[in-house]
Amino acid sequence: MNIEIKKENANPAAQKIMSDEFFYDVVDEFAPFGNDVGNDTFYTFIEWKNKNETKKATEFLTGNLAEMGLSDFNLNADAKDPRQLLLNVDKMPNKYDDINSIDNTVISLAFTQLFIGGNIDPEIKHLAKIAIEREVLFADVWEENSKMRLEKLAKLTDALNIAE
């Protein structure tokens, strides 16, 4: 099943929460489906869910990150201890690129669930909030776009706070 990422194709509950066109932008690097990882996660999860209706989204997430070679990272590692998080990221082969791929996967998965079903599994929602917090910590990586990055991360956070 190939669903085009457009507001009118989203679940009605998602349309209310994801009211801004930003959420459906497939070319905005900061949108849930606008980066390569986020877009791939959207379509891969839908395909996986059609074959694994009874399995939890966390199983998809674990398998997807393993396929990307990123399964060693603790998804609950938050930004509350920035020094420790930076030490963990520094140990990753591609440092920020790796953590950004992980975070984009988690964020996209949450918004994919919202898009197709109108709600988000509580565990995925929790992990998405942590992923956004990590991305806030690393916003300066985007240099001149860091302010815009922070604004869009705030939109994602607001939507997650409203979503069930």
N, C-alpha and C. Protein backbone atom coordinates (compact mmCIF):
# COMPACT_ATOMS: atom_id res chain seq x y z
N MET A 1 0.84 -1.17 0.00
CA MET A 1 0.00 0.00 0.00
C MET A 1 0.89 1.24 0.00
N ASN A 2 0.67 2.12 -0.96
CA ASN A 2 1.48 3.32 -1.07
C ASN A 2 0.61 4.53 -0.80
N ILE A 3 0.75 5.11 0.38
CA ILE A 3 -0.02 6.26 0.79
C ILE A 3 0.83 7.51 0.57
N GLU A 4 0.28 8.48 -0.11
CA GLU A 4 1.00 9.72 -0.29
C GLU A 4 0.89 10.54 0.99
N ILE A 5 2.01 11.14 1.38
CA ILE A 5 2.05 11.93 2.60
C ILE A 5 1.43 13.29 2.31
N LYS A 6 0.14 13.36 2.55
CA LYS A 6 -0.62 14.60 2.38
C LYS A 6 -1.64 14.67 3.52
N LYS A 7 -1.97 15.88 3.91
CA LYS A 7 -2.89 16.07 5.03
C LYS A 7 -4.20 15.32 4.84
N GLU A 8 -4.76 15.38 3.63
CA GLU A 8 -6.06 14.74 3.39
C GLU A 8 -6.00 13.22 3.48
N ASN A 9 -4.81 12.64 3.46
CA ASN A 9 -4.66 11.18 3.58
C ASN A 9 -4.46 10.74 5.02
N ALA A 10 -4.26 11.68 5.91
CA ALA A 10 -4.02 11.36 7.32
C ALA A 10 -5.33 11.06 8.03
N ASN A 11 -5.22 10.29 9.10
CA ASN A 11 -6.34 10.02 9.96
C ASN A 11 -6.95 11.35 10.42
N PRO A 12 -8.28 11.45 10.53
CA PRO A 12 -8.91 12.71 10.96
C PRO A 12 -8.36 13.26 12.29
N ALA A 13 -8.08 12.38 13.22
CA ALA A 13 -7.50 12.83 14.50
C ALA A 13 -6.12 13.44 14.27
N ALA A 14 -5.35 12.84 13.38
CA ALA A 14 -4.02 13.36 13.07
C ALA A 14 -4.12 14.72 12.38
N GLN A 15 -5.10 14.86 11.51
CA GLN A 15 -5.27 16.14 10.81
C GLN A 15 -5.50 17.29 11.78
N LYS A 16 -6.21 17.02 12.86
CA LYS A 16 -6.46 18.05 13.87
C LYS A 16 -5.17 18.42 14.61
N ILE A 17 -4.40 17.41 14.94
CA ILE A 17 -3.15 17.63 15.70
C ILE A 17 -2.05 18.14 14.78
N MET A 18 -1.94 17.55 13.61
CA MET A 18 -0.92 17.91 12.64
C MET A 18 -1.55 18.89 11.63
N SER A 19 -2.04 20.01 12.12
CA SER A 19 -2.79 20.93 11.28
C SER A 19 -1.88 21.75 10.35
N ASP A 20 -0.67 21.99 10.75
CA ASP A 20 0.28 22.77 9.97
C ASP A 20 0.82 21.93 8.81
N GLU A 21 0.94 22.52 7.65
CA GLU A 21 1.47 21.80 6.47
C GLU A 21 2.89 21.30 6.69
N PHE A 22 3.60 21.90 7.63
CA PHE A 22 4.95 21.46 7.98
C PHE A 22 5.02 19.95 8.20
N PHE A 23 4.01 19.40 8.87
CA PHE A 23 4.03 17.98 9.22
C PHE A 23 4.01 17.07 7.99
N TYR A 24 3.55 17.57 6.88
CA TYR A 24 3.41 16.76 5.66
C TYR A 24 4.45 17.10 4.61
N ASP A 25 5.36 18.00 4.94
CA ASP A 25 6.38 18.45 4.00
C ASP A 25 7.43 17.35 3.83
N VAL A 26 7.56 16.86 2.62
CA VAL A 26 8.49 15.76 2.37
C VAL A 26 9.86 16.24 1.89
N VAL A 27 10.06 17.56 1.87
CA VAL A 27 11.38 18.08 1.51
C VAL A 27 12.02 18.92 2.62
N ASP A 28 11.26 19.23 3.66
CA ASP A 28 11.81 19.98 4.80
C ASP A 28 12.57 18.99 5.69
N GLU A 29 13.86 19.16 5.76
CA GLU A 29 14.73 18.27 6.53
C GLU A 29 14.28 18.13 7.98
N PHE A 30 13.59 19.14 8.50
CA PHE A 30 13.20 19.14 9.90
C PHE A 30 11.79 18.58 10.14
N ALA A 31 11.07 18.29 9.07
CA ALA A 31 9.72 17.72 9.18
C ALA A 31 9.83 16.21 9.45
N PRO A 32 8.80 15.62 10.05
CA PRO A 32 8.89 14.20 10.40
C PRO A 32 9.15 13.27 9.20
N PHE A 33 8.67 13.64 8.02
CA PHE A 33 8.83 12.79 6.83
C PHE A 33 9.67 13.47 5.76
N GLY A 34 10.31 14.60 6.08
CA GLY A 34 11.04 15.38 5.09
C GLY A 34 12.50 15.01 4.93
N ASN A 35 13.03 14.25 5.84
CA ASN A 35 14.41 13.78 5.69
C ASN A 35 14.36 12.34 5.20
N ASP A 36 15.45 11.86 4.64
CA ASP A 36 15.47 10.51 4.05
C ASP A 36 15.08 9.44 5.06
N VAL A 37 15.63 9.52 6.24
CA VAL A 37 15.35 8.50 7.27
C VAL A 37 13.87 8.54 7.66
N GLY A 38 13.34 9.73 7.87
CA GLY A 38 11.94 9.86 8.27
C GLY A 38 10.98 9.38 7.19
N ASN A 39 11.28 9.70 5.95
CA ASN A 39 10.44 9.27 4.84
C ASN A 39 10.48 7.76 4.69
N ASP A 40 11.68 7.20 4.78
CA ASP A 40 11.82 5.73 4.69
C ASP A 40 11.08 5.06 5.84
N THR A 41 11.18 5.63 7.03
CA THR A 41 10.50 5.05 8.20
C THR A 41 8.99 5.02 7.97
N PHE A 42 8.44 6.08 7.43
CA PHE A 42 7.00 6.15 7.16
C PHE A 42 6.57 4.96 6.31
N TYR A 43 7.19 4.80 5.17
CA TYR A 43 6.76 3.75 4.23
C TYR A 43 7.13 2.35 4.71
N THR A 44 8.28 2.22 5.34
CA THR A 44 8.71 0.91 5.83
C THR A 44 7.81 0.44 6.96
N PHE A 45 7.43 1.36 7.87
CA PHE A 45 6.56 0.97 8.97
C PHE A 45 5.18 0.55 8.46
N ILE A 46 4.62 1.29 7.53
CA ILE A 46 3.30 0.93 7.00
C ILE A 46 3.34 -0.47 6.38
N GLU A 47 4.38 -0.73 5.61
CA GLU A 47 4.53 -2.06 4.99
C GLU A 47 4.69 -3.13 6.07
N TRP A 48 5.53 -2.87 7.06
CA TRP A 48 5.77 -3.82 8.15
C TRP A 48 4.48 -4.06 8.93
N LYS A 49 3.75 -2.99 9.25
CA LYS A 49 2.53 -3.11 10.06
C LYS A 49 1.47 -3.94 9.34
N ASN A 50 1.39 -3.82 8.01
CA ASN A 50 0.43 -4.61 7.24
C ASN A 50 0.72 -6.11 7.34
N LYS A 51 1.99 -6.46 7.55
CA LYS A 51 2.38 -7.87 7.67
C LYS A 51 2.45 -8.33 9.13
N ASN A 52 2.47 -7.38 10.05
CA ASN A 52 2.66 -7.69 11.48
C ASN A 52 1.64 -6.94 12.32
N GLU A 53 0.39 -7.14 12.02
CA GLU A 53 -0.69 -6.38 12.66
C GLU A 53 -0.69 -6.47 14.18
N THR A 54 -0.31 -7.60 14.74
CA THR A 54 -0.39 -7.79 16.19
C THR A 54 0.89 -7.40 16.93
N LYS A 55 1.95 -7.13 16.19
CA LYS A 55 3.22 -6.79 16.84
C LYS A 55 3.26 -5.31 17.22
N LYS A 56 4.07 -5.04 18.24
CA LYS A 56 4.20 -3.68 18.75
C LYS A 56 5.19 -2.88 17.89
N ALA A 57 4.95 -1.60 17.83
CA ALA A 57 5.82 -0.71 17.05
C ALA A 57 7.26 -0.72 17.57
N THR A 58 7.44 -1.02 18.84
CA THR A 58 8.80 -1.08 19.38
C THR A 58 9.60 -2.21 18.73
N GLU A 59 8.91 -3.28 18.32
CA GLU A 59 9.59 -4.37 17.61
C GLU A 59 10.08 -3.88 16.25
N PHE A 60 9.24 -3.10 15.58
CA PHE A 60 9.66 -2.51 14.31
C PHE A 60 10.88 -1.62 14.53
N LEU A 61 10.80 -0.76 15.55
CA LEU A 61 11.88 0.18 15.82
C LEU A 61 13.20 -0.54 16.09
N THR A 62 13.15 -1.55 16.92
CA THR A 62 14.35 -2.32 17.25
C THR A 62 14.95 -2.96 16.00
N GLY A 63 14.10 -3.58 15.20
CA GLY A 63 14.58 -4.22 13.97
C GLY A 63 15.10 -3.23 12.95
N ASN A 64 14.43 -2.10 12.83
CA ASN A 64 14.84 -1.09 11.86
C ASN A 64 16.20 -0.49 12.23
N LEU A 65 16.38 -0.19 13.51
CA LEU A 65 17.66 0.35 13.95
C LEU A 65 18.77 -0.69 13.81
N ALA A 66 18.46 -1.95 14.02
CA ALA A 66 19.45 -3.01 13.82
C ALA A 66 19.88 -3.07 12.36
N GLU A 67 18.92 -2.96 11.45
CA GLU A 67 19.25 -2.96 10.02
C GLU A 67 20.13 -1.78 9.65
N MET A 68 19.97 -0.68 10.35
CA MET A 68 20.77 0.52 10.09
C MET A 68 22.14 0.44 10.80
N GLY A 69 22.34 -0.60 11.60
CA GLY A 69 23.58 -0.75 12.35
C GLY A 69 23.65 0.18 13.56
N LEU A 70 22.49 0.57 14.08
CA LEU A 70 22.43 1.54 15.18
C LEU A 70 21.71 0.99 16.40
N SER A 71 21.73 -0.31 16.57
CA SER A 71 20.96 -0.92 17.66
C SER A 71 21.65 -0.85 19.02
N ASP A 72 22.89 -0.42 19.07
CA ASP A 72 23.61 -0.39 20.35
C ASP A 72 23.27 0.81 21.21
N PHE A 73 22.61 1.80 20.64
CA PHE A 73 22.32 3.02 21.37
C PHE A 73 21.10 2.84 22.28
N ASN A 74 21.19 3.32 23.50
CA ASN A 74 20.09 3.27 24.45
C ASN A 74 19.09 4.37 24.11
N LEU A 75 17.92 4.00 23.61
CA LEU A 75 16.91 4.98 23.18
C LEU A 75 16.38 5.83 24.32
N ASN A 76 16.59 5.39 25.55
CA ASN A 76 16.15 6.17 26.71
C ASN A 76 17.22 7.14 27.20
N ALA A 77 18.35 7.18 26.51
CA ALA A 77 19.41 8.13 26.89
C ALA A 77 18.92 9.53 26.57
N ASP A 78 18.67 10.30 27.64
CA ASP A 78 18.08 11.61 27.42
C ASP A 78 19.11 12.73 27.53
N ALA A 79 18.64 13.95 27.35
CA ALA A 79 19.51 15.11 27.36
C ALA A 79 19.64 15.73 28.75
N LYS A 80 19.10 15.06 29.76
CA LYS A 80 19.17 15.61 31.12
C LYS A 80 20.60 15.65 31.65
N ASP A 81 21.43 14.75 31.13
CA ASP A 81 22.85 14.76 31.46
C ASP A 81 23.61 14.94 30.14
N PRO A 82 23.69 16.19 29.66
CA PRO A 82 24.28 16.45 28.35
C PRO A 82 25.71 15.92 28.21
N ARG A 83 26.47 16.02 29.29
CA ARG A 83 27.86 15.55 29.23
C ARG A 83 27.93 14.06 28.93
N GLN A 84 27.11 13.27 29.62
CA GLN A 84 27.10 11.83 29.40
C GLN A 84 26.59 11.50 27.99
N LEU A 85 25.56 12.20 27.56
CA LEU A 85 25.03 11.97 26.22
C LEU A 85 26.09 12.29 25.17
N LEU A 86 26.80 13.38 25.33
CA LEU A 86 27.86 13.74 24.38
C LEU A 86 28.96 12.69 24.35
N LEU A 87 29.29 12.16 25.52
CA LEU A 87 30.30 11.08 25.58
C LEU A 87 29.82 9.85 24.81
N ASN A 88 28.54 9.51 24.97
CA ASN A 88 27.98 8.35 24.25
C ASN A 88 27.96 8.59 22.75
N VAL A 89 27.58 9.78 22.34
CA VAL A 89 27.52 10.10 20.91
C VAL A 89 28.93 10.12 20.31
N ASP A 90 29.88 10.61 21.08
CA ASP A 90 31.27 10.65 20.59
C ASP A 90 31.82 9.26 20.32
N LYS A 91 31.27 8.24 20.97
CA LYS A 91 31.72 6.86 20.75
C LYS A 91 31.12 6.25 19.49
N MET A 92 30.11 6.90 18.92
CA MET A 92 29.44 6.37 17.73
C MET A 92 30.32 6.63 16.50
N PRO A 93 30.32 5.70 15.55
CA PRO A 93 31.20 5.87 14.38
C PRO A 93 30.99 7.18 13.63
N ASN A 94 29.74 7.60 13.46
CA ASN A 94 29.46 8.81 12.69
C ASN A 94 28.89 9.93 13.56
N LYS A 95 29.12 9.82 14.84
CA LYS A 95 28.73 10.80 15.85
C LYS A 95 27.34 11.40 15.62
N TYR A 96 27.24 12.71 15.32
CA TYR A 96 25.94 13.34 15.21
C TYR A 96 25.08 12.73 14.11
N ASP A 97 25.69 12.34 13.01
CA ASP A 97 24.90 11.72 11.93
C ASP A 97 24.16 10.49 12.42
N ASP A 98 24.82 9.69 13.26
CA ASP A 98 24.18 8.48 13.79
C ASP A 98 23.03 8.81 14.74
N ILE A 99 23.28 9.72 15.67
CA ILE A 99 22.22 10.05 16.63
C ILE A 99 21.06 10.73 15.91
N ASN A 100 21.35 11.53 14.90
CA ASN A 100 20.29 12.18 14.13
C ASN A 100 19.47 11.15 13.37
N SER A 101 20.10 10.13 12.84
CA SER A 101 19.36 9.06 12.16
C SER A 101 18.46 8.31 13.13
N ILE A 102 18.98 8.03 14.31
CA ILE A 102 18.18 7.36 15.34
C ILE A 102 16.98 8.24 15.72
N ASP A 103 17.26 9.50 16.00
CA ASP A 103 16.20 10.41 16.42
C ASP A 103 15.16 10.62 15.33
N ASN A 104 15.61 10.77 14.09
CA ASN A 104 14.66 10.93 12.98
C ASN A 104 13.79 9.70 12.81
N THR A 105 14.36 8.53 13.03
CA THR A 105 13.59 7.29 12.94
C THR A 105 12.50 7.26 14.01
N VAL A 106 12.86 7.56 15.23
CA VAL A 106 11.91 7.53 16.35
C VAL A 106 10.81 8.57 16.15
N ILE A 107 11.20 9.78 15.80
CA ILE A 107 10.23 10.87 15.60
C ILE A 107 9.29 10.52 14.45
N SER A 108 9.84 10.05 13.36
CA SER A 108 9.01 9.69 12.21
C SER A 108 8.05 8.56 12.56
N LEU A 109 8.52 7.59 13.31
CA LEU A 109 7.65 6.47 13.69
C LEU A 109 6.46 6.98 14.50
N ALA A 110 6.69 7.87 15.43
CA ALA A 110 5.59 8.42 16.23
C ALA A 110 4.58 9.13 15.33
N PHE A 111 5.07 9.96 14.43
CA PHE A 111 4.15 10.70 13.57
C PHE A 111 3.53 9.82 12.48
N THR A 112 4.20 8.75 12.12
CA THR A 112 3.60 7.78 11.19
C THR A 112 2.41 7.10 11.87
N GLN A 113 2.60 6.69 13.12
CA GLN A 113 1.49 6.09 13.85
C GLN A 113 0.32 7.07 13.96
N LEU A 114 0.62 8.31 14.26
CA LEU A 114 -0.42 9.32 14.36
C LEU A 114 -1.11 9.50 13.00
N PHE A 115 -0.34 9.58 11.94
CA PHE A 115 -0.86 9.77 10.59
C PHE A 115 -1.82 8.65 10.20
N ILE A 116 -1.41 7.41 10.43
CA ILE A 116 -2.23 6.29 9.94
C ILE A 116 -3.33 5.87 10.92
N GLY A 117 -3.10 6.05 12.23
CA GLY A 117 -4.07 5.54 13.20
C GLY A 117 -4.71 6.56 14.10
N GLY A 118 -4.19 7.77 14.10
CA GLY A 118 -4.77 8.81 14.93
C GLY A 118 -4.27 8.82 16.36
N ASN A 119 -3.35 7.90 16.68
CA ASN A 119 -2.77 7.87 18.02
C ASN A 119 -1.36 7.31 17.96
N ILE A 120 -0.66 7.38 19.07
CA ILE A 120 0.72 6.93 19.15
C ILE A 120 0.85 5.99 20.35
N ASP A 121 1.53 4.86 20.15
CA ASP A 121 1.80 3.97 21.28
C ASP A 121 2.53 4.77 22.36
N PRO A 122 2.12 4.62 23.62
CA PRO A 122 2.74 5.41 24.70
C PRO A 122 4.27 5.28 24.74
N GLU A 123 4.79 4.08 24.52
CA GLU A 123 6.24 3.91 24.58
C GLU A 123 6.94 4.64 23.44
N ILE A 124 6.34 4.61 22.26
CA ILE A 124 6.92 5.32 21.11
C ILE A 124 6.84 6.83 21.35
N LYS A 125 5.73 7.29 21.90
CA LYS A 125 5.57 8.71 22.21
C LYS A 125 6.64 9.16 23.20
N HIS A 126 6.86 8.36 24.22
CA HIS A 126 7.89 8.65 25.22
C HIS A 126 9.28 8.74 24.56
N LEU A 127 9.59 7.77 23.72
CA LEU A 127 10.89 7.76 23.05
C LEU A 127 11.03 8.93 22.08
N ALA A 128 9.93 9.34 21.44
CA ALA A 128 9.97 10.47 20.53
C ALA A 128 10.25 11.77 21.28
N LYS A 129 9.66 11.91 22.46
CA LYS A 129 9.94 13.11 23.26
C LYS A 129 11.41 13.17 23.66
N ILE A 130 11.97 12.03 24.02
CA ILE A 130 13.40 11.97 24.37
C ILE A 130 14.25 12.29 23.14
N ALA A 131 13.87 11.76 21.99
CA ALA A 131 14.61 12.02 20.75
C ALA A 131 14.60 13.52 20.43
N ILE A 132 13.47 14.16 20.61
CA ILE A 132 13.38 15.60 20.36
C ILE A 132 14.27 16.36 21.33
N GLU A 133 14.29 15.95 22.60
CA GLU A 133 15.16 16.59 23.59
C GLU A 133 16.62 16.47 23.18
N ARG A 134 17.00 15.30 22.66
CA ARG A 134 18.38 15.12 22.19
C ARG A 134 18.66 16.06 21.02
N GLU A 135 17.71 16.16 20.11
CA GLU A 135 17.90 17.03 18.94
C GLU A 135 18.00 18.50 19.35
N VAL A 136 17.27 18.90 20.39
CA VAL A 136 17.39 20.26 20.90
C VAL A 136 18.82 20.50 21.38
N LEU A 137 19.37 19.52 22.08
CA LEU A 137 20.74 19.62 22.57
C LEU A 137 21.74 19.80 21.42
N PHE A 138 21.47 19.16 20.29
CA PHE A 138 22.39 19.21 19.15
C PHE A 138 21.97 20.22 18.08
N ALA A 139 21.06 21.13 18.41
CA ALA A 139 20.56 22.08 17.41
C ALA A 139 21.67 22.93 16.79
N ASP A 140 22.71 23.22 17.55
CA ASP A 140 23.78 24.07 17.02
C ASP A 140 24.53 23.43 15.86
N VAL A 141 24.38 22.12 15.69
CA VAL A 141 25.00 21.43 14.54
C VAL A 141 24.47 22.01 13.23
N TRP A 142 23.24 22.53 13.27
CA TRP A 142 22.60 23.07 12.07
C TRP A 142 23.04 24.51 11.80
N GLU A 143 23.98 25.02 12.57
CA GLU A 143 24.58 26.34 12.41
C GLU A 143 23.54 27.42 12.16
N GLU A 144 23.53 28.03 10.96
CA GLU A 144 22.62 29.16 10.69
C GLU A 144 21.16 28.75 10.71
N ASN A 145 20.86 27.47 10.64
CA ASN A 145 19.49 26.97 10.68
C ASN A 145 19.08 26.47 12.07
N SER A 146 19.93 26.69 13.07
CA SER A 146 19.64 26.14 14.41
C SER A 146 18.37 26.75 15.01
N LYS A 147 18.13 28.03 14.79
CA LYS A 147 16.92 28.65 15.34
C LYS A 147 15.68 28.03 14.70
N MET A 148 15.72 27.85 13.39
CA MET A 148 14.60 27.23 12.69
C MET A 148 14.41 25.79 13.17
N ARG A 149 15.52 25.09 13.38
CA ARG A 149 15.46 23.72 13.88
C ARG A 149 14.74 23.68 15.23
N LEU A 150 15.09 24.58 16.12
CA LEU A 150 14.48 24.62 17.44
C LEU A 150 12.98 24.93 17.35
N GLU A 151 12.61 25.84 16.46
CA GLU A 151 11.19 26.17 16.28
C GLU A 151 10.40 24.96 15.80
N LYS A 152 10.97 24.20 14.90
CA LYS A 152 10.26 23.04 14.36
C LYS A 152 10.24 21.88 15.35
N LEU A 153 11.29 21.76 16.15
CA LEU A 153 11.27 20.76 17.22
C LEU A 153 10.18 21.10 18.24
N ALA A 154 9.98 22.39 18.48
CA ALA A 154 8.91 22.82 19.40
C ALA A 154 7.54 22.44 18.83
N LYS A 155 7.35 22.57 17.52
CA LYS A 155 6.09 22.16 16.89
C LYS A 155 5.86 20.67 17.07
N LEU A 156 6.93 19.89 16.90
CA LEU A 156 6.81 18.45 17.08
C LEU A 156 6.45 18.11 18.52
N THR A 157 7.08 18.78 19.46
CA THR A 157 6.79 18.55 20.88
C THR A 157 5.35 18.91 21.21
N ASP A 158 4.89 20.06 20.71
CA ASP A 158 3.51 20.48 20.96
C ASP A 158 2.53 19.43 20.43
N ALA A 159 2.78 18.93 19.23
CA ALA A 159 1.89 17.92 18.65
C ALA A 159 1.90 16.63 19.48
N LEU A 160 3.07 16.21 19.92
CA LEU A 160 3.15 15.00 20.74
C LEU A 160 2.41 15.18 22.06
N ASN A 161 2.48 16.38 22.62
CA ASN A 161 1.79 16.63 23.88
C ASN A 161 0.27 16.58 23.73
N ILE A 162 -0.22 16.88 22.55
CA ILE A 162 -1.67 16.84 22.29
C ILE A 162 -2.11 15.41 21.95
N ALA A 163 -1.26 14.69 21.22
CA ALA A 163 -1.61 13.35 20.72
C ALA A 163 -1.82 12.36 21.86
N GLU A 164 -2.70 11.39 21.59
CA GLU A 164 -2.93 10.30 22.56
C GLU A 164 -1.98 9.17 22.28
